[in-house]
Structure formats: C-alpha cells, structure tokens
Amino acid sequence: MLQTATTRGPRDVVSGHRGPTTVTVTTTCEHTTVAVAGEIDLSVTAHLQDRLRDELTLSPGALIIDLTGVEFCSSGGLAVLLDTVTTAHARGLPCAIIATHRSVLRPIRLLRLDRVLPIHPDRADAETWLALLPRLR
C-alpha cells in the first residue's frame, strides 16, 4: 500500500536549559506523528503544548506522539501529554504515545499515568493498537 508522508515546514528547534529539543511533524493518510527529540523541560513545554494543540485542531485520523528521542521529561511535560490525550479523547481522535527511555517511562509508571496514557514500546505496536480501536467502538 502506498503511503505518502509530508513534513510540514522545518523542524521546530527549541533551545532548552540542557540543549536543543526538536519537534518534527509528519503526516500520512492514516495519522500524524509528532516526534520529539531531546529533553522536555520547562523551557520546551509551552511550545510542545502549542504544537500538539495545533495538530489536534487539524483533526488527523490519529495522533502519534513519538518520544523515543526524549531523554528527560519534566512534570510539566507529563501534564502536556495528559492534556493532549484528554483533548484527543474528548474530540474522538485516537492517540498513542511511543516511549522507550527509562527516564520517561519511570515517572509515568510511578505516578500510574500508564493507566490513562496510551504508552507503546514501538511504532508497530502503536499502529496496530490504533488500527484496532475502530473495531472496539
């Protein structure tokens, strides 16, 4: 099956306390992926929240938040994830988060946010889950 992917505009690069963080948005016919690389700290959270809200406003088929390149996520970053997932759910948009780094997963699990955040270990797992969602409704 042919899939076309487009990345809107250049990558967003936000300089944080610990170094640059990039946010890249890629759109296919099935979903939009917002990939973050670097660290999500106080200097980045407002920009990330704005970017995620912008993508939700466009009503994609599904939203994937790819955090595989994130090495640190502050409590503010976790709040942005919760807000995005809650907003997506309220709008009826499927949403999945891919996270692999222990420094991101550990606070999510300690705070038991894994009960409300749709965390997946890789893209294949997230896409499979998103494909199953319409059948469960």
N, C-alpha and C. Protein backbone atom coordinates (compact mmCIF):
# COMPACT_ATOMS: atom_id res chain seq x y z
N MET A 1 0.85 -1.17 0.00
CA MET A 1 0.00 0.00 0.00
C MET A 1 0.89 1.24 0.00
N LEU A 2 0.60 2.18 -0.86
CA LEU A 2 1.37 3.40 -0.98
C LEU A 2 0.96 4.38 0.10
N GLN A 3 1.94 4.86 0.83
CA GLN A 3 1.68 5.87 1.84
C GLN A 3 2.52 7.09 1.51
N THR A 4 1.89 8.23 1.52
CA THR A 4 2.65 9.45 1.31
C THR A 4 2.84 10.13 2.66
N ALA A 5 3.99 10.68 2.83
CA ALA A 5 4.30 11.36 4.08
C ALA A 5 4.80 12.76 3.76
N THR A 6 4.33 13.70 4.52
CA THR A 6 4.81 15.06 4.36
C THR A 6 5.18 15.60 5.73
N THR A 7 6.23 16.37 5.75
CA THR A 7 6.62 17.05 6.96
C THR A 7 6.35 18.53 6.73
N ARG A 8 5.48 19.09 7.55
CA ARG A 8 5.11 20.49 7.37
C ARG A 8 6.20 21.39 7.93
N GLY A 9 6.76 22.20 7.05
CA GLY A 9 7.74 23.19 7.49
C GLY A 9 9.00 22.56 8.04
N PRO A 10 9.95 23.39 8.42
CA PRO A 10 11.17 22.87 9.01
C PRO A 10 10.90 22.37 10.42
N ARG A 11 11.83 21.64 10.92
CA ARG A 11 11.70 21.18 12.30
C ARG A 11 11.70 22.38 13.23
N ASP A 12 10.94 22.26 14.28
CA ASP A 12 10.98 23.28 15.33
C ASP A 12 12.16 22.93 16.23
N VAL A 13 13.00 23.87 16.46
CA VAL A 13 14.12 23.65 17.37
C VAL A 13 13.98 24.65 18.50
N VAL A 14 13.88 24.14 19.70
CA VAL A 14 13.73 24.98 20.88
C VAL A 14 14.95 24.75 21.75
N SER A 15 15.64 25.81 22.10
CA SER A 15 16.82 25.67 22.96
C SER A 15 16.38 25.67 24.41
N GLY A 16 16.67 24.60 25.06
CA GLY A 16 16.34 24.48 26.47
C GLY A 16 17.58 24.63 27.34
N HIS A 17 17.40 24.45 28.61
CA HIS A 17 18.49 24.56 29.57
C HIS A 17 19.59 23.55 29.27
N ARG A 18 19.22 22.35 28.87
CA ARG A 18 20.18 21.28 28.67
C ARG A 18 20.59 21.10 27.21
N GLY A 19 20.04 21.87 26.31
CA GLY A 19 20.38 21.73 24.90
C GLY A 19 19.16 21.82 24.03
N PRO A 20 19.36 21.71 22.72
CA PRO A 20 18.23 21.86 21.80
C PRO A 20 17.29 20.66 21.82
N THR A 21 16.02 20.96 21.66
CA THR A 21 14.98 19.94 21.53
C THR A 21 14.31 20.18 20.18
N THR A 22 14.12 19.11 19.42
CA THR A 22 13.47 19.26 18.12
C THR A 22 12.09 18.62 18.16
N VAL A 23 11.18 19.24 17.43
CA VAL A 23 9.82 18.73 17.27
C VAL A 23 9.57 18.64 15.77
N THR A 24 9.30 17.43 15.29
CA THR A 24 9.08 17.21 13.87
C THR A 24 7.69 16.62 13.67
N VAL A 25 6.94 17.21 12.77
CA VAL A 25 5.58 16.74 12.48
C VAL A 25 5.58 16.08 11.10
N THR A 26 5.10 14.84 11.05
CA THR A 26 4.99 14.10 9.80
C THR A 26 3.55 13.62 9.65
N THR A 27 3.00 13.82 8.46
CA THR A 27 1.61 13.45 8.23
C THR A 27 1.53 12.41 7.12
N THR A 28 0.75 11.36 7.35
CA THR A 28 0.43 10.38 6.32
C THR A 28 -1.09 10.37 6.17
N CYS A 29 -1.57 9.55 5.28
CA CYS A 29 -3.02 9.48 5.09
C CYS A 29 -3.71 8.86 6.31
N GLU A 30 -2.97 8.13 7.13
CA GLU A 30 -3.57 7.44 8.28
C GLU A 30 -3.42 8.19 9.60
N HIS A 31 -2.30 8.90 9.78
CA HIS A 31 -2.09 9.56 11.07
C HIS A 31 -1.04 10.67 10.96
N THR A 32 -0.99 11.46 12.01
CA THR A 32 0.03 12.50 12.16
C THR A 32 0.94 12.07 13.30
N THR A 33 2.24 12.20 13.06
CA THR A 33 3.21 11.88 14.10
C THR A 33 3.94 13.15 14.51
N VAL A 34 3.96 13.40 15.80
CA VAL A 34 4.76 14.48 16.36
C VAL A 34 5.91 13.81 17.09
N ALA A 35 7.11 13.91 16.52
CA ALA A 35 8.30 13.28 17.09
C ALA A 35 9.12 14.34 17.83
N VAL A 36 9.46 14.02 19.06
CA VAL A 36 10.24 14.93 19.89
C VAL A 36 11.58 14.28 20.18
N ALA A 37 12.65 15.06 20.06
CA ALA A 37 14.00 14.57 20.38
C ALA A 37 14.69 15.59 21.27
N GLY A 38 15.30 15.11 22.32
CA GLY A 38 15.98 16.00 23.27
C GLY A 38 15.36 15.83 24.64
N GLU A 39 15.19 16.96 25.32
CA GLU A 39 14.63 16.93 26.67
C GLU A 39 13.42 17.85 26.75
N ILE A 40 12.39 17.34 27.40
CA ILE A 40 11.18 18.14 27.60
C ILE A 40 11.24 18.72 29.00
N ASP A 41 11.67 19.98 29.06
CA ASP A 41 11.75 20.66 30.36
C ASP A 41 10.91 21.94 30.30
N LEU A 42 11.00 22.76 31.31
CA LEU A 42 10.16 23.95 31.43
C LEU A 42 10.29 24.87 30.22
N SER A 43 11.47 24.94 29.63
CA SER A 43 11.68 25.85 28.50
C SER A 43 11.03 25.34 27.22
N VAL A 44 10.59 24.09 27.19
CA VAL A 44 10.06 23.47 25.97
C VAL A 44 8.56 23.18 26.06
N THR A 45 8.03 23.03 27.26
CA THR A 45 6.65 22.54 27.41
C THR A 45 5.61 23.43 26.74
N ALA A 46 5.73 24.75 26.85
CA ALA A 46 4.72 25.63 26.24
C ALA A 46 4.72 25.47 24.72
N HIS A 47 5.89 25.42 24.13
CA HIS A 47 5.99 25.25 22.68
C HIS A 47 5.41 23.89 22.26
N LEU A 48 5.76 22.84 22.99
CA LEU A 48 5.26 21.50 22.67
C LEU A 48 3.74 21.46 22.79
N GLN A 49 3.20 22.05 23.84
CA GLN A 49 1.75 22.05 24.01
C GLN A 49 1.08 22.80 22.86
N ASP A 50 1.62 23.93 22.46
CA ASP A 50 1.05 24.67 21.33
C ASP A 50 1.09 23.83 20.05
N ARG A 51 2.19 23.16 19.82
CA ARG A 51 2.35 22.36 18.60
C ARG A 51 1.35 21.20 18.58
N LEU A 52 1.20 20.53 19.72
CA LEU A 52 0.25 19.41 19.81
C LEU A 52 -1.18 19.90 19.65
N ARG A 53 -1.51 21.03 20.24
CA ARG A 53 -2.87 21.59 20.08
C ARG A 53 -3.14 21.95 18.62
N ASP A 54 -2.11 22.51 17.96
CA ASP A 54 -2.27 22.84 16.54
C ASP A 54 -2.59 21.59 15.73
N GLU A 55 -1.91 20.51 16.01
CA GLU A 55 -2.13 19.26 15.27
C GLU A 55 -3.51 18.69 15.57
N LEU A 56 -3.96 18.77 16.81
CA LEU A 56 -5.31 18.29 17.15
C LEU A 56 -6.38 19.12 16.46
N THR A 57 -6.12 20.41 16.30
CA THR A 57 -7.07 21.29 15.63
C THR A 57 -7.29 20.86 14.18
N LEU A 58 -6.27 20.26 13.56
CA LEU A 58 -6.38 19.81 12.17
C LEU A 58 -7.14 18.48 12.05
N SER A 59 -7.53 17.90 13.17
CA SER A 59 -8.31 16.65 13.22
C SER A 59 -7.70 15.53 12.37
N PRO A 60 -6.51 15.07 12.73
CA PRO A 60 -5.92 13.96 11.98
C PRO A 60 -6.70 12.67 12.21
N GLY A 61 -6.46 11.68 11.36
CA GLY A 61 -7.10 10.38 11.56
C GLY A 61 -6.70 9.77 12.90
N ALA A 62 -5.47 10.00 13.30
CA ALA A 62 -4.94 9.57 14.60
C ALA A 62 -3.70 10.41 14.87
N LEU A 63 -3.34 10.52 16.13
CA LEU A 63 -2.16 11.26 16.53
C LEU A 63 -1.20 10.32 17.25
N ILE A 64 0.04 10.29 16.79
CA ILE A 64 1.09 9.53 17.46
C ILE A 64 2.10 10.52 17.99
N ILE A 65 2.38 10.43 19.27
CA ILE A 65 3.42 11.26 19.89
C ILE A 65 4.62 10.35 20.11
N ASP A 66 5.67 10.58 19.35
CA ASP A 66 6.86 9.73 19.39
C ASP A 66 7.91 10.35 20.31
N LEU A 67 8.10 9.73 21.47
CA LEU A 67 9.06 10.22 22.45
C LEU A 67 10.32 9.35 22.51
N THR A 68 10.56 8.55 21.49
CA THR A 68 11.73 7.67 21.53
C THR A 68 13.03 8.44 21.57
N GLY A 69 13.03 9.68 21.13
CA GLY A 69 14.23 10.51 21.17
C GLY A 69 14.31 11.39 22.40
N VAL A 70 13.38 11.22 23.33
CA VAL A 70 13.35 12.05 24.54
C VAL A 70 14.12 11.36 25.65
N GLU A 71 15.05 12.10 26.24
CA GLU A 71 15.89 11.55 27.31
C GLU A 71 15.46 12.01 28.70
N PHE A 72 14.61 13.04 28.76
CA PHE A 72 14.12 13.57 30.03
C PHE A 72 12.78 14.21 29.79
N CYS A 73 11.84 13.99 30.71
CA CYS A 73 10.52 14.60 30.62
C CYS A 73 10.12 15.12 32.00
N SER A 74 9.96 16.43 32.11
CA SER A 74 9.60 17.04 33.38
C SER A 74 8.13 16.79 33.71
N SER A 75 7.74 17.18 34.91
CA SER A 75 6.33 17.04 35.29
C SER A 75 5.45 17.90 34.39
N GLY A 76 5.97 19.04 33.95
CA GLY A 76 5.23 19.87 33.00
C GLY A 76 5.02 19.16 31.68
N GLY A 77 6.02 18.40 31.25
CA GLY A 77 5.90 17.60 30.03
C GLY A 77 4.85 16.52 30.18
N LEU A 78 4.80 15.90 31.35
CA LEU A 78 3.77 14.89 31.61
C LEU A 78 2.38 15.52 31.58
N ALA A 79 2.27 16.73 32.10
CA ALA A 79 0.99 17.44 32.08
C ALA A 79 0.57 17.73 30.64
N VAL A 80 1.53 18.09 29.77
CA VAL A 80 1.22 18.33 28.36
C VAL A 80 0.71 17.04 27.71
N LEU A 81 1.34 15.92 28.02
CA LEU A 81 0.88 14.63 27.47
C LEU A 81 -0.53 14.31 27.93
N LEU A 82 -0.79 14.49 29.22
CA LEU A 82 -2.14 14.24 29.75
C LEU A 82 -3.18 15.14 29.09
N ASP A 83 -2.85 16.41 28.95
CA ASP A 83 -3.77 17.36 28.32
C ASP A 83 -4.05 16.96 26.87
N THR A 84 -3.01 16.57 26.14
CA THR A 84 -3.17 16.21 24.73
C THR A 84 -4.02 14.95 24.59
N VAL A 85 -3.74 13.94 25.38
CA VAL A 85 -4.50 12.69 25.30
C VAL A 85 -5.96 12.94 25.70
N THR A 86 -6.18 13.73 26.72
CA THR A 86 -7.54 14.04 27.17
C THR A 86 -8.31 14.81 26.09
N THR A 87 -7.65 15.79 25.50
CA THR A 87 -8.28 16.58 24.44
C THR A 87 -8.59 15.71 23.23
N ALA A 88 -7.63 14.87 22.83
CA ALA A 88 -7.85 13.97 21.69
C ALA A 88 -9.04 13.05 21.96
N HIS A 89 -9.09 12.49 23.16
CA HIS A 89 -10.19 11.59 23.51
C HIS A 89 -11.53 12.33 23.46
N ALA A 90 -11.56 13.54 24.00
CA ALA A 90 -12.80 14.32 24.01
C ALA A 90 -13.27 14.63 22.59
N ARG A 91 -12.34 14.75 21.66
CA ARG A 91 -12.68 15.04 20.26
C ARG A 91 -12.90 13.77 19.43
N GLY A 92 -12.73 12.63 20.06
CA GLY A 92 -12.91 11.37 19.35
C GLY A 92 -11.75 11.01 18.44
N LEU A 93 -10.56 11.56 18.72
CA LEU A 93 -9.38 11.28 17.91
C LEU A 93 -8.50 10.25 18.61
N PRO A 94 -8.16 9.17 17.95
CA PRO A 94 -7.26 8.18 18.55
C PRO A 94 -5.87 8.78 18.75
N CYS A 95 -5.25 8.43 19.85
CA CYS A 95 -3.93 8.98 20.19
C CYS A 95 -3.08 7.89 20.82
N ALA A 96 -1.81 7.83 20.44
CA ALA A 96 -0.88 6.86 21.01
C ALA A 96 0.44 7.55 21.29
N ILE A 97 1.12 7.08 22.33
CA ILE A 97 2.43 7.62 22.70
C ILE A 97 3.45 6.49 22.62
N ILE A 98 4.57 6.77 21.95
CA ILE A 98 5.66 5.80 21.89
C ILE A 98 6.76 6.31 22.81
N ALA A 99 7.15 5.51 23.76
CA ALA A 99 8.22 5.89 24.69
C ALA A 99 9.06 4.67 25.02
N THR A 100 10.38 4.86 25.05
CA THR A 100 11.28 3.75 25.32
C THR A 100 12.29 4.03 26.43
N HIS A 101 12.62 5.29 26.66
CA HIS A 101 13.65 5.61 27.64
C HIS A 101 13.13 5.46 29.07
N ARG A 102 13.93 4.86 29.89
CA ARG A 102 13.57 4.64 31.29
C ARG A 102 13.27 5.97 31.99
N SER A 103 14.02 7.01 31.64
CA SER A 103 13.83 8.30 32.30
C SER A 103 12.46 8.92 31.98
N VAL A 104 11.84 8.48 30.92
CA VAL A 104 10.49 8.94 30.58
C VAL A 104 9.44 7.98 31.16
N LEU A 105 9.70 6.69 31.02
CA LEU A 105 8.73 5.68 31.47
C LEU A 105 8.62 5.58 32.99
N ARG A 106 9.73 5.74 33.69
CA ARG A 106 9.72 5.57 35.14
C ARG A 106 8.75 6.53 35.85
N PRO A 107 8.81 7.85 35.59
CA PRO A 107 7.84 8.72 36.27
C PRO A 107 6.40 8.44 35.85
N ILE A 108 6.21 8.05 34.60
CA ILE A 108 4.85 7.71 34.14
C ILE A 108 4.32 6.53 34.95
N ARG A 109 5.15 5.52 35.14
CA ARG A 109 4.71 4.33 35.89
C ARG A 109 4.57 4.62 37.38
N LEU A 110 5.50 5.39 37.96
CA LEU A 110 5.42 5.72 39.38
C LEU A 110 4.16 6.51 39.71
N LEU A 111 3.79 7.40 38.82
CA LEU A 111 2.58 8.20 39.03
C LEU A 111 1.32 7.49 38.54
N ARG A 112 1.50 6.28 38.04
CA ARG A 112 0.41 5.45 37.50
C ARG A 112 -0.32 6.12 36.33
N LEU A 113 0.41 6.94 35.61
CA LEU A 113 -0.16 7.58 34.43
C LEU A 113 -0.28 6.62 33.27
N ASP A 114 0.40 5.48 33.37
CA ASP A 114 0.27 4.46 32.31
C ASP A 114 -1.14 3.89 32.25
N ARG A 115 -1.95 4.18 33.26
CA ARG A 115 -3.35 3.76 33.24
C ARG A 115 -4.20 4.64 32.34
N VAL A 116 -3.74 5.87 32.11
CA VAL A 116 -4.51 6.80 31.27
C VAL A 116 -3.78 7.23 30.01
N LEU A 117 -2.48 7.08 29.98
CA LEU A 117 -1.71 7.41 28.79
C LEU A 117 -1.50 6.15 27.96
N PRO A 118 -1.84 6.19 26.68
CA PRO A 118 -1.68 5.01 25.82
C PRO A 118 -0.22 4.85 25.38
N ILE A 119 0.60 4.27 26.27
CA ILE A 119 2.04 4.12 26.04
C ILE A 119 2.31 2.84 25.26
N HIS A 120 3.18 2.94 24.25
CA HIS A 120 3.55 1.79 23.42
C HIS A 120 5.07 1.74 23.28
N PRO A 121 5.63 0.53 23.17
CA PRO A 121 7.10 0.39 23.11
C PRO A 121 7.71 0.70 21.75
N ASP A 122 6.91 0.70 20.69
CA ASP A 122 7.45 0.99 19.36
C ASP A 122 6.32 1.40 18.42
N ARG A 123 6.71 1.86 17.24
CA ARG A 123 5.74 2.35 16.27
C ARG A 123 4.78 1.25 15.81
N ALA A 124 5.31 0.05 15.57
CA ALA A 124 4.47 -1.05 15.10
C ALA A 124 3.35 -1.35 16.10
N ASP A 125 3.70 -1.38 17.37
CA ASP A 125 2.70 -1.65 18.41
C ASP A 125 1.65 -0.53 18.45
N ALA A 126 2.10 0.71 18.35
CA ALA A 126 1.17 1.85 18.38
C ALA A 126 0.23 1.82 17.18
N GLU A 127 0.77 1.54 16.00
CA GLU A 127 -0.07 1.49 14.79
C GLU A 127 -1.05 0.33 14.82
N THR A 128 -0.63 -0.80 15.36
CA THR A 128 -1.55 -1.95 15.50
C THR A 128 -2.69 -1.59 16.43
N TRP A 129 -2.37 -0.97 17.57
CA TRP A 129 -3.37 -0.56 18.54
C TRP A 129 -4.34 0.45 17.93
N LEU A 130 -3.80 1.43 17.20
CA LEU A 130 -4.66 2.44 16.57
C LEU A 130 -5.58 1.81 15.52
N ALA A 131 -5.08 0.80 14.81
CA ALA A 131 -5.90 0.11 13.80
C ALA A 131 -7.03 -0.69 14.44
N LEU A 132 -6.81 -1.17 15.66
CA LEU A 132 -7.84 -1.95 16.35
C LEU A 132 -8.92 -1.08 16.99
N LEU A 133 -8.61 0.13 17.31
CA LEU A 133 -9.57 1.00 18.02
C LEU A 133 -10.93 1.12 17.35
N PRO A 134 -10.99 1.33 16.03
CA PRO A 134 -12.33 1.44 15.42
C PRO A 134 -13.18 0.17 15.59
N ARG A 135 -12.53 -0.95 15.67
CA ARG A 135 -13.29 -2.21 15.86
C ARG A 135 -13.85 -2.35 17.26
N LEU A 136 -13.24 -1.67 18.21
CA LEU A 136 -13.66 -1.77 19.61
C LEU A 136 -14.83 -0.82 19.93
N ARG A 137 -15.09 0.11 19.05
CA ARG A 137 -16.14 1.11 19.32
C ARG A 137 -17.49 0.62 18.92
